Amino acid sequence: MAQHNDLGKQGEQLASAFLVAKGYEILDENWCYGKAEVDLIAYINKQIVFVEVKSRTSVIFGQPEEFVSIAKQHLLETAAAEYIAIMNHQGEIRFDIISVLFDKQNNYRINHIEDAFWPYE
């Protein structure tokens, strides 16, 4: 597996553990619908949370969370709509971003941005 894929997988595992430690229940990981993939789907306080995880080793080109494009937001919205229909969820939802920034010693910093965006209609 390519090094960037390993980094992404490691970031997703750290993000999942981070959410669990904060009291979230992880419902799904890497859930796919069409061309969309949702890294983590979590549940807390009767709310389904769709989480995009971005992992980086540098901020030379910007913070990890800055790489969630409008196109990616649209894909997440499409996947979320399908997931909500399948689960027959009647409550609230939100879209979060978790960025994981690694240093050269493989230490990391997590930034959890709740309600990071609301997809456009």
Protein backbone atom coordinates (compact mmCIF):
# COMPACT_ATOMS: atom_id res chain seq x y z
CA MET A 1 0.00 0.00 0.00
CA ALA A 2 1.26 3.48 -0.83
CA GLN A 3 2.69 5.53 2.04
CA HIS A 4 -0.06 8.18 1.74
CA ASN A 5 -2.68 5.41 2.03
CA ASP A 6 -0.97 4.13 5.18
CA LEU A 7 -0.97 7.66 6.60
CA GLY A 8 -4.66 8.07 5.80
CA LYS A 9 -5.57 4.75 7.38
CA GLN A 10 -3.55 5.60 10.49
CA GLY A 11 -5.27 8.99 10.69
CA GLU A 12 -8.71 7.38 10.40
CA GLN A 13 -7.88 4.91 13.18
CA LEU A 14 -6.69 7.74 15.44
CA ALA A 15 -9.78 9.82 14.61
CA SER A 16 -12.05 6.88 15.41
CA ALA A 17 -10.36 6.29 18.78
CA PHE A 18 -10.55 10.03 19.48
CA LEU A 19 -14.30 10.08 18.86
CA VAL A 20 -14.92 6.97 20.96
CA ALA A 21 -12.97 8.56 23.83
CA LYS A 22 -15.31 11.59 23.55
CA GLY A 23 -18.38 9.35 23.89
CA TYR A 24 -19.29 8.83 20.23
CA GLU A 25 -20.44 5.48 18.92
CA ILE A 26 -18.85 4.54 15.59
CA LEU A 27 -21.58 3.23 13.29
CA ASP A 28 -19.53 2.71 10.13
CA GLU A 29 -16.06 3.19 8.71
CA ASN A 30 -15.25 3.81 5.05
CA TRP A 31 -18.91 3.63 4.06
CA CYS A 32 -19.39 3.89 0.30
CA TYR A 33 -22.27 4.97 -1.86
CA GLY A 34 -21.58 5.45 -5.54
CA LYS A 35 -18.37 7.47 -5.86
CA ALA A 36 -18.66 8.79 -2.33
CA GLU A 37 -16.87 7.40 0.68
CA VAL A 38 -17.52 8.59 4.21
CA ASP A 39 -14.49 7.96 6.41
CA LEU A 40 -16.42 7.67 9.68
CA ILE A 41 -20.09 7.72 10.58
CA ALA A 42 -20.63 8.32 14.26
CA TYR A 43 -23.55 8.80 16.61
CA ILE A 44 -23.90 11.01 19.66
CA ASN A 45 -26.84 12.70 21.35
CA LYS A 46 -29.37 11.32 18.83
CA GLN A 47 -27.36 12.88 16.00
CA ILE A 48 -25.60 11.10 13.13
CA VAL A 49 -22.23 12.67 12.38
CA PHE A 50 -20.56 12.20 8.99
CA VAL A 51 -16.82 12.66 9.43
CA GLU A 52 -14.19 13.37 6.80
CA VAL A 53 -10.68 12.64 8.07
CA LYS A 54 -7.69 14.41 6.54
CA SER A 55 -4.15 13.39 7.48
CA ARG A 56 -0.97 15.21 6.54
CA THR A 57 2.70 15.37 7.53
CA SER A 58 3.12 19.04 6.65
CA VAL A 59 1.17 22.27 6.39
CA ILE A 60 3.30 23.65 3.55
CA PHE A 61 0.29 23.59 1.24
CA GLY A 62 -2.29 24.36 3.94
CA GLN A 63 -4.00 22.82 6.93
CA PRO A 64 -5.37 19.29 6.36
CA GLU A 65 -8.98 20.44 6.78
CA GLU A 66 -8.56 22.90 3.91
CA PHE A 67 -8.49 19.96 1.49
CA VAL A 68 -12.18 19.12 1.84
CA SER A 69 -13.31 20.55 -1.48
CA ILE A 70 -16.81 21.64 -2.47
CA ALA A 71 -16.95 18.57 -4.74
CA LYS A 72 -16.10 16.33 -1.77
CA GLN A 73 -18.77 18.06 0.30
CA HIS A 74 -21.33 17.29 -2.42
CA LEU A 75 -20.29 13.63 -2.45
CA LEU A 76 -20.59 13.44 1.32
CA GLU A 77 -24.05 15.01 1.15
CA THR A 78 -25.16 12.41 -1.41
CA ALA A 79 -23.80 9.53 0.67
CA ALA A 80 -25.33 10.98 3.85
CA ALA A 81 -28.77 11.23 2.24
CA GLU A 82 -28.62 7.56 1.26
CA TYR A 83 -27.35 6.50 4.69
CA ILE A 84 -30.14 8.43 6.42
CA ALA A 85 -32.72 6.78 4.16
CA ILE A 86 -31.33 3.30 4.77
CA MET A 87 -31.20 3.83 8.53
CA ASN A 88 -34.55 5.65 8.57
CA HIS A 89 -32.93 8.28 10.78
CA GLN A 90 -35.40 11.00 11.76
CA GLY A 91 -33.03 13.09 13.88
CA GLU A 92 -30.39 15.68 13.20
CA ILE A 93 -27.18 15.19 11.27
CA ARG A 94 -23.98 17.14 10.91
CA PHE A 95 -20.77 17.08 8.95
CA ASP A 96 -17.46 17.20 10.82
CA ILE A 97 -13.84 17.25 9.74
CA ILE A 98 -11.06 15.71 11.77
CA SER A 99 -7.56 16.66 10.73
CA VAL A 100 -4.58 14.66 11.90
CA LEU A 101 -1.20 16.34 11.53
CA PHE A 102 1.86 14.13 12.02
CA ASP A 103 5.39 15.34 12.70
CA LYS A 104 8.66 13.66 11.72
CA GLN A 105 8.70 11.61 14.96
CA ASN A 106 5.19 10.29 14.16
CA ASN A 107 3.66 12.34 16.96
CA TYR A 108 0.33 13.79 15.95
CA ARG A 109 -2.15 16.57 16.66
CA ILE A 110 -5.88 16.11 16.14
CA ASN A 111 -8.20 18.99 15.29
CA HIS A 112 -11.91 18.15 15.45
CA ILE A 113 -14.08 20.68 13.64
CA GLU A 114 -17.72 20.10 14.51
CA ASP A 115 -20.32 21.35 12.02
CA ALA A 116 -17.47 22.03 9.60
CA PHE A 117 -19.76 22.59 6.63
CA TRP A 118 -23.28 22.19 5.45
CA PRO A 119 -23.45 20.93 1.87
CA TYR A 120 -25.03 23.17 -0.70
CA GLU A 121 -28.32 22.35 -2.34
